[in-house]
Amino acid sequence: MDHEHDPPRPSLPPDDGPSLFGADQAPPSAYRVLARKYRPTSFADLIGQEPMVRTLENAFDLNRIHQAYLLTGVRGVGKTTTARILARAFNYELPAGDGRPAINQPTIHMEELGVHCQAIIDSRHVDVLEMDAASHTGIDDIREIIDNARYRPVMARTKVYIIDEVHMLSKAAFNGLLKTLEEPPEHVKFIFATTEIDKVPVTVRSRCQRFDLR
């Protein structure tokens, strides 16, 4: 076949995306930035978690908010993100403005960013403390939380402890945590996340409201 008169094919610029043959891909940091940008920040953003949202809405409306929550699900389903949204709901506070009354009570309806919201979303709020139990498994780590829990929040309404991979805690750590769960301070909430619910002691599970994320 004669290709003499075929029009020239335009060449792609080198940075127009990865090729089939192993050209450089976007650095991992770029994906992390995108993940943060599109990460849900409110209950309205959560997809596929309607049963949990309805249950929480009823509880908040009736002021029957639990002291401890247990979020289960596979890795990447959004447990930590949901925990931060829940921490935001506990501490929602919005000054009055534009003919709208001030909001200074827990609510899952958070159409605007409140006083504490951005810091909680960014995981840098002084009263919302996150711990990865995979690397902090011992009683000393839990004892530090228990001692800290006695003190009232510095800025927010509620002090929130988010413990990820809670099933990794040692038996001694669970026993120490259980005492606080049995008589929790009014100003403290716990949110536990796990990929292996069967490894969480029944005594701890029974003191939490459980949500299975999908």
C-alpha atoms as a PDB file:
ATOM      1  CA  MET A   1       0.000   0.000   0.000  1.00  0.00           C
ATOM      2  CA  ASP A   2       1.247   3.483  -0.866  1.00  0.00           C
ATOM      3  CA  HIS A   3       1.726   5.744   2.184  1.00  0.00           C
ATOM      4  CA  GLU A   4       3.364   8.552   0.216  1.00  0.00           C
ATOM      5  CA  HIS A   5       0.374  10.879   0.414  1.00  0.00           C
ATOM      6  CA  ASP A   6      -0.776  10.110   3.971  1.00  0.00           C
ATOM      7  CA  PRO A   7      -1.003  13.301   6.061  1.00  0.00           C
ATOM      8  CA  PRO A   8       1.658  13.597   8.759  1.00  0.00           C
ATOM      9  CA  ARG A   9       0.552  12.442  12.207  1.00  0.00           C
ATOM     10  CA  PRO A  10       0.804  15.049  14.943  1.00  0.00           C
ATOM     11  CA  SER A  11       3.134  14.072  17.737  1.00  0.00           C
ATOM     12  CA  LEU A  12       2.038  14.327  21.349  1.00  0.00           C
ATOM     13  CA  PRO A  13       4.037  16.522  23.692  1.00  0.00           C
ATOM     14  CA  PRO A  14       6.159  14.460  26.058  1.00  0.00           C
ATOM     15  CA  ASP A  15       4.116  15.455  29.129  1.00  0.00           C
ATOM     16  CA  ASP A  16       0.708  14.663  27.600  1.00  0.00           C
ATOM     17  CA  GLY A  17       0.287  11.562  29.740  1.00  0.00           C
ATOM     18  CA  PRO A  18       1.881   8.161  30.233  1.00  0.00           C
ATOM     19  CA  SER A  19       2.424   6.000  27.146  1.00  0.00           C
ATOM     20  CA  LEU A  20       1.799   2.279  26.793  1.00  0.00           C
ATOM     21  CA  PHE A  21       5.510   1.658  27.084  1.00  0.00           C
ATOM     22  CA  GLY A  22       6.309   2.887  30.562  1.00  0.00           C
ATOM     23  CA  ALA A  23       6.646   6.639  30.256  1.00  0.00           C
ATOM     24  CA  ASP A  24       6.861   8.480  33.552  1.00  0.00           C
ATOM     25  CA  GLN A  25       3.568   8.662  35.423  1.00  0.00           C
ATOM     26  CA  ALA A  26       2.323  11.414  37.686  1.00  0.00           C
ATOM     27  CA  PRO A  27       4.171  11.359  41.005  1.00  0.00           C
ATOM     28  CA  PRO A  28       2.345   9.810  43.995  1.00  0.00           C
ATOM     29  CA  SER A  29       2.102  13.261  45.590  1.00  0.00           C
ATOM     30  CA  ALA A  30      -0.181  14.362  42.744  1.00  0.00           C
ATOM     31  CA  TYR A  31      -2.576  11.519  43.500  1.00  0.00           C
ATOM     32  CA  ARG A  32      -2.530  12.396  47.201  1.00  0.00           C
ATOM     33  CA  VAL A  33      -3.448  15.990  46.382  1.00  0.00           C
ATOM     34  CA  LEU A  34      -6.353  14.803  44.214  1.00  0.00           C
ATOM     35  CA  ALA A  35      -7.495  12.406  46.939  1.00  0.00           C
ATOM     36  CA  ARG A  36      -7.558  15.228  49.478  1.00  0.00           C
ATOM     37  CA  LYS A  37      -9.352  17.536  47.071  1.00  0.00           C
ATOM     38  CA  TYR A  38     -12.190  15.104  46.383  1.00  0.00           C
ATOM     39  CA  ARG A  39     -12.407  13.498  49.819  1.00  0.00           C
ATOM     40  CA  PRO A  40     -15.897  13.850  51.372  1.00  0.00           C
ATOM     41  CA  THR A  41     -16.127  16.521  54.063  1.00  0.00           C
ATOM     42  CA  SER A  42     -19.775  16.163  55.136  1.00  0.00           C
ATOM     43  CA  PHE A  43     -22.424  13.472  55.441  1.00  0.00           C
ATOM     44  CA  ALA A  44     -24.067  14.833  52.292  1.00  0.00           C
ATOM     45  CA  ASP A  45     -20.886  13.901  50.371  1.00  0.00           C
ATOM     46  CA  LEU A  46     -20.853  10.266  51.483  1.00  0.00           C
ATOM     47  CA  ILE A  47     -21.990   7.830  48.808  1.00  0.00           C
ATOM     48  CA  GLY A  48     -23.572   4.501  49.698  1.00  0.00           C
ATOM     49  CA  GLN A  49     -23.751   5.142  53.453  1.00  0.00           C
ATOM     50  CA  GLU A  50     -27.414   6.218  53.635  1.00  0.00           C
ATOM     51  CA  PRO A  51     -28.419   3.798  56.444  1.00  0.00           C
ATOM     52  CA  MET A  52     -25.677   5.170  58.693  1.00  0.00           C
ATOM     53  CA  VAL A  53     -26.560   8.777  57.869  1.00  0.00           C
ATOM     54  CA  ARG A  54     -30.259   8.188  58.638  1.00  0.00           C
ATOM     55  CA  THR A  55     -29.430   6.546  61.959  1.00  0.00           C
ATOM     56  CA  LEU A  56     -27.118   9.390  62.935  1.00  0.00           C
ATOM     57  CA  GLU A  57     -29.657  12.010  61.868  1.00  0.00           C
ATOM     58  CA  ASN A  58     -32.289  10.488  64.157  1.00  0.00           C
ATOM     59  CA  ALA A  59     -29.825  10.212  67.043  1.00  0.00           C
ATOM     60  CA  PHE A  60     -28.647  13.806  66.696  1.00  0.00           C
ATOM     61  CA  ASP A  61     -32.210  15.130  66.355  1.00  0.00           C
ATOM     62  CA  LEU A  62     -33.230  13.312  69.554  1.00  0.00           C
ATOM     63  CA  ASN A  63     -29.983  14.253  71.334  1.00  0.00           C
ATOM     64  CA  ARG A  64     -29.164  10.572  71.833  1.00  0.00           C
ATOM     65  CA  ILE A  65     -25.559  10.729  70.759  1.00  0.00           C
ATOM     66  CA  HIS A  66     -23.380   7.791  71.779  1.00  0.00           C
ATOM     67  CA  GLN A  67     -20.095   8.147  73.620  1.00  0.00           C
ATOM     68  CA  ALA A  68     -18.308   5.681  71.349  1.00  0.00           C
ATOM     69  CA  TYR A  69     -18.636   4.605  67.716  1.00  0.00           C
ATOM     70  CA  LEU A  70     -17.153   1.645  65.876  1.00  0.00           C
ATOM     71  CA  LEU A  71     -16.654   1.923  62.107  1.00  0.00           C
ATOM     72  CA  THR A  72     -15.912  -1.283  60.227  1.00  0.00           C
ATOM     73  CA  GLY A  73     -15.072  -2.017  56.612  1.00  0.00           C
ATOM     74  CA  VAL A  74     -12.321  -2.886  54.176  1.00  0.00           C
ATOM     75  CA  ARG A  75      -9.274  -0.691  53.772  1.00  0.00           C
ATOM     76  CA  GLY A  76     -10.022   2.412  51.704  1.00  0.00           C
ATOM     77  CA  VAL A  77     -13.795   2.398  52.268  1.00  0.00           C
ATOM     78  CA  GLY A  78     -13.626   5.744  54.085  1.00  0.00           C
ATOM     79  CA  LYS A  79     -13.548   4.943  57.800  1.00  0.00           C
ATOM     80  CA  THR A  80     -11.098   7.684  58.774  1.00  0.00           C
ATOM     81  CA  THR A  81     -12.841  10.226  56.548  1.00  0.00           C
ATOM     82  CA  THR A  82     -16.189   9.317  58.123  1.00  0.00           C
ATOM     83  CA  ALA A  83     -14.651   9.612  61.589  1.00  0.00           C
ATOM     84  CA  ARG A  84     -13.488  13.161  60.842  1.00  0.00           C
ATOM     85  CA  ILE A  85     -16.933  14.087  59.504  1.00  0.00           C
ATOM     86  CA  LEU A  86     -18.462  12.719  62.702  1.00  0.00           C
ATOM     87  CA  ALA A  87     -15.975  14.706  64.799  1.00  0.00           C
ATOM     88  CA  ARG A  88     -16.972  17.777  62.810  1.00  0.00           C
ATOM     89  CA  ALA A  89     -20.657  17.094  63.575  1.00  0.00           C
ATOM     90  CA  PHE A  90     -19.973  16.788  67.314  1.00  0.00           C
ATOM     91  CA  ASN A  91     -18.275  20.182  67.304  1.00  0.00           C
ATOM     92  CA  TYR A  92     -20.256  22.100  64.695  1.00  0.00           C
ATOM     93  CA  GLU A  93     -20.393  25.788  65.492  1.00  0.00           C
ATOM     94  CA  LEU A  94     -21.397  28.565  63.102  1.00  0.00           C
ATOM     95  CA  PRO A  95     -21.775  32.250  64.031  1.00  0.00           C
ATOM     96  CA  ALA A  96     -24.962  34.074  63.047  1.00  0.00           C
ATOM     97  CA  GLY A  97     -24.902  35.861  59.705  1.00  0.00           C
ATOM     98  CA  ASP A  98     -26.980  36.879  56.666  1.00  0.00           C
ATOM     99  CA  GLY A  99     -30.213  36.592  58.618  1.00  0.00           C
ATOM    100  CA  ARG A 100     -29.315  33.083  59.783  1.00  0.00           C
ATOM    101  CA  PRO A 101     -29.245  32.241  63.496  1.00  0.00           C
ATOM    102  CA  ALA A 102     -26.082  30.929  65.093  1.00  0.00           C
ATOM    103  CA  ILE A 103     -25.603  27.173  65.332  1.00  0.00           C
ATOM    104  CA  ASN A 104     -23.914  25.951  68.482  1.00  0.00           C
ATOM    105  CA  GLN A 105     -24.961  22.344  68.936  1.00  0.00           C
ATOM    106  CA  PRO A 106     -24.155  18.963  67.392  1.00  0.00           C
ATOM    107  CA  THR A 107     -25.726  18.449  63.973  1.00  0.00           C
ATOM    108  CA  ILE A 108     -25.163  16.354  60.870  1.00  0.00           C
ATOM    109  CA  HIS A 109     -26.463  19.185  58.680  1.00  0.00           C
ATOM    110  CA  MET A 110     -23.307  21.129  57.897  1.00  0.00           C
ATOM    111  CA  GLU A 111     -23.903  23.094  54.705  1.00  0.00           C
ATOM    112  CA  GLU A 112     -21.124  25.570  55.551  1.00  0.00           C
ATOM    113  CA  LEU A 113     -17.733  25.255  57.159  1.00  0.00           C
ATOM    114  CA  GLY A 114     -18.056  26.017  60.850  1.00  0.00           C
ATOM    115  CA  VAL A 115     -15.521  27.434  63.278  1.00  0.00           C
ATOM    116  CA  HIS A 116     -13.675  24.134  63.805  1.00  0.00           C
ATOM    117  CA  CYS A 117     -14.447  22.327  60.547  1.00  0.00           C
ATOM    118  CA  GLN A 118     -11.395  22.983  58.393  1.00  0.00           C
ATOM    119  CA  ALA A 119      -8.943  22.111  61.151  1.00  0.00           C
ATOM    120  CA  ILE A 120     -10.802  18.848  61.822  1.00  0.00           C
ATOM    121  CA  ILE A 121     -10.933  17.970  58.115  1.00  0.00           C
ATOM    122  CA  ASP A 122      -7.190  18.654  57.841  1.00  0.00           C
ATOM    123  CA  SER A 123      -6.467  16.536  60.926  1.00  0.00           C
ATOM    124  CA  ARG A 124      -4.867  19.405  62.836  1.00  0.00           C
ATOM    125  CA  HIS A 125      -7.456  20.332  65.473  1.00  0.00           C
ATOM    126  CA  VAL A 126      -6.117  20.361  69.018  1.00  0.00           C
ATOM    127  CA  ASP A 127      -9.234  18.635  70.413  1.00  0.00           C
ATOM    128  CA  VAL A 128      -9.577  15.920  67.752  1.00  0.00           C
ATOM    129  CA  LEU A 129      -6.762  13.459  68.295  1.00  0.00           C
ATOM    130  CA  GLU A 130      -5.990  10.624  65.871  1.00  0.00           C
ATOM    131  CA  MET A 131      -3.956   7.540  66.692  1.00  0.00           C
ATOM    132  CA  ASP A 132      -2.970   4.581  64.524  1.00  0.00           C
ATOM    133  CA  ALA A 133      -3.205   1.540  66.781  1.00  0.00           C
ATOM    134  CA  ALA A 134      -1.068  -0.448  64.335  1.00  0.00           C
ATOM    135  CA  SER A 135       1.977   1.467  65.577  1.00  0.00           C
ATOM    136  CA  HIS A 136       0.720   2.350  69.083  1.00  0.00           C
ATOM    137  CA  THR A 137      -0.443  -0.977  70.459  1.00  0.00           C
ATOM    138  CA  GLY A 138       0.550  -0.818  74.118  1.00  0.00           C
ATOM    139  CA  ILE A 139      -1.027   0.153  77.405  1.00  0.00           C
ATOM    140  CA  ASP A 140       1.240   3.212  77.694  1.00  0.00           C
ATOM    141  CA  ASP A 141      -0.293   4.709  74.538  1.00  0.00           C
ATOM    142  CA  ILE A 142      -3.818   4.134  75.851  1.00  0.00           C
ATOM    143  CA  ARG A 143      -2.877   5.398  79.312  1.00  0.00           C
ATOM    144  CA  GLU A 144      -1.799   8.671  77.717  1.00  0.00           C
ATOM    145  CA  ILE A 145      -5.235   8.969  76.077  1.00  0.00           C
ATOM    146  CA  ILE A 146      -7.014   8.128  79.337  1.00  0.00           C
ATOM    147  CA  ASP A 147      -5.013  10.726  81.276  1.00  0.00           C
ATOM    148  CA  ASN A 148      -5.606  13.343  78.579  1.00  0.00           C
ATOM    149  CA  ALA A 149      -9.338  12.583  78.411  1.00  0.00           C
ATOM    150  CA  ARG A 150      -9.861  13.890  81.940  1.00  0.00           C
ATOM    151  CA  TYR A 151      -9.196  17.448  80.791  1.00  0.00           C
ATOM    152  CA  ARG A 152     -11.846  19.480  79.051  1.00  0.00           C
ATOM    153  CA  PRO A 153     -11.429  20.521  75.387  1.00  0.00           C
ATOM    154  CA  VAL A 154      -9.206  23.512  74.697  1.00  0.00           C
ATOM    155  CA  MET A 155     -11.297  25.081  71.916  1.00  0.00           C
ATOM    156  CA  ALA A 156     -14.131  22.831  70.787  1.00  0.00           C
ATOM    157  CA  ARG A 157     -17.247  21.505  72.511  1.00  0.00           C
ATOM    158  CA  THR A 158     -16.160  17.873  72.522  1.00  0.00           C
ATOM    159  CA  LYS A 159     -12.809  16.153  72.675  1.00  0.00           C
ATOM    160  CA  VAL A 160     -12.729  13.354  70.089  1.00  0.00           C
ATOM    161  CA  TYR A 161     -10.331  10.412  69.942  1.00  0.00           C
ATOM    162  CA  ILE A 162     -10.109   8.625  66.599  1.00  0.00           C
ATOM    163  CA  ILE A 163      -8.289   5.290  66.899  1.00  0.00           C
ATOM    164  CA  ASP A 164      -7.617   3.585  63.581  1.00  0.00           C
ATOM    165  CA  GLU A 165      -6.984  -0.176  63.284  1.00  0.00           C
ATOM    166  CA  VAL A 166      -8.212  -0.509  66.867  1.00  0.00           C
ATOM    167  CA  HIS A 167      -8.068  -4.323  66.650  1.00  0.00           C
ATOM    168  CA  MET A 168      -4.259  -4.047  66.819  1.00  0.00           C
ATOM    169  CA  LEU A 169      -4.303  -2.938  70.465  1.00  0.00           C
ATOM    170  CA  SER A 170      -2.849  -5.315  73.019  1.00  0.00           C
ATOM    171  CA  LYS A 171      -5.046  -7.063  75.583  1.00  0.00           C
ATOM    172  CA  ALA A 172      -3.736  -4.769  78.318  1.00  0.00           C
ATOM    173  CA  ALA A 173      -4.493  -1.713  76.173  1.00  0.00           C
ATOM    174  CA  PHE A 174      -8.061  -2.907  75.555  1.00  0.00           C
ATOM    175  CA  ASN A 175      -8.553  -3.491  79.282  1.00  0.00           C
ATOM    176  CA  GLY A 176      -7.347   0.017  80.043  1.00  0.00           C
ATOM    177  CA  LEU A 177      -9.589   1.489  77.376  1.00  0.00           C
ATOM    178  CA  LEU A 178     -12.595  -0.466  78.635  1.00  0.00           C
ATOM    179  CA  LYS A 179     -12.553   1.285  82.007  1.00  0.00           C
ATOM    180  CA  THR A 180     -12.869   4.664  80.298  1.00  0.00           C
ATOM    181  CA  LEU A 181     -15.619   3.389  77.980  1.00  0.00           C
ATOM    182  CA  GLU A 182     -17.594   2.191  81.003  1.00  0.00           C
ATOM    183  CA  GLU A 183     -17.522   5.650  82.611  1.00  0.00           C
ATOM    184  CA  PRO A 184     -16.586   8.128  79.875  1.00  0.00           C
ATOM    185  CA  PRO A 185     -16.281  11.840  80.660  1.00  0.00           C
ATOM    186  CA  GLU A 186     -19.209  13.826  79.242  1.00  0.00           C
ATOM    187  CA  HIS A 187     -16.935  15.957  77.077  1.00  0.00           C
ATOM    188  CA  VAL A 188     -15.261  12.989  75.313  1.00  0.00           C
ATOM    189  CA  LYS A 189     -16.237  10.859  72.302  1.00  0.00           C
ATOM    190  CA  PHE A 190     -14.381   7.858  70.913  1.00  0.00           C
ATOM    191  CA  ILE A 191     -14.437   6.738  67.286  1.00  0.00           C
ATOM    192  CA  PHE A 192     -12.802   3.404  66.529  1.00  0.00           C
ATOM    193  CA  ALA A 193     -12.081   2.099  63.039  1.00  0.00           C
ATOM    194  CA  THR A 194     -11.193  -1.465  62.139  1.00  0.00           C
ATOM    195  CA  THR A 195     -10.796  -3.803  59.192  1.00  0.00           C
ATOM    196  CA  GLU A 196     -11.028  -6.864  61.467  1.00  0.00           C
ATOM    197  CA  ILE A 197     -14.045  -6.528  63.731  1.00  0.00           C
ATOM    198  CA  ASP A 198     -13.713 -10.085  65.087  1.00  0.00           C
ATOM    199  CA  LYS A 199     -10.445  -9.111  66.790  1.00  0.00           C
ATOM    200  CA  VAL A 200     -12.127  -6.348  68.798  1.00  0.00           C
ATOM    201  CA  PRO A 201     -13.236  -7.701  72.202  1.00  0.00           C
ATOM    202  CA  VAL A 202     -16.980  -8.121  72.649  1.00  0.00           C
ATOM    203  CA  THR A 203     -16.777  -6.017  75.817  1.00  0.00           C
ATOM    204  CA  VAL A 204     -15.565  -3.068  73.723  1.00  0.00           C
ATOM    205  CA  ARG A 205     -17.966  -3.691  70.837  1.00  0.00           C
ATOM    206  CA  SER A 206     -20.945  -3.758  73.185  1.00  0.00           C
ATOM    207  CA  ARG A 207     -20.174  -0.225  74.362  1.00  0.00           C
ATOM    208  CA  CYS A 208     -20.078   1.269  70.870  1.00  0.00           C
ATOM    209  CA  GLN A 209     -22.598   2.116  68.205  1.00  0.00           C
ATOM    210  CA  ARG A 210     -21.418   0.125  65.212  1.00  0.00           C
ATOM    211  CA  PHE A 211     -21.604   1.087  61.554  1.00  0.00           C
ATOM    212  CA  ASP A 212     -20.480  -1.236  58.758  1.00  0.00           C
ATOM    213  CA  LEU A 213     -19.279   0.943  55.887  1.00  0.00           C
ATOM    214  CA  ARG A 214     -19.670  -0.222  52.289  1.00  0.00           C
END
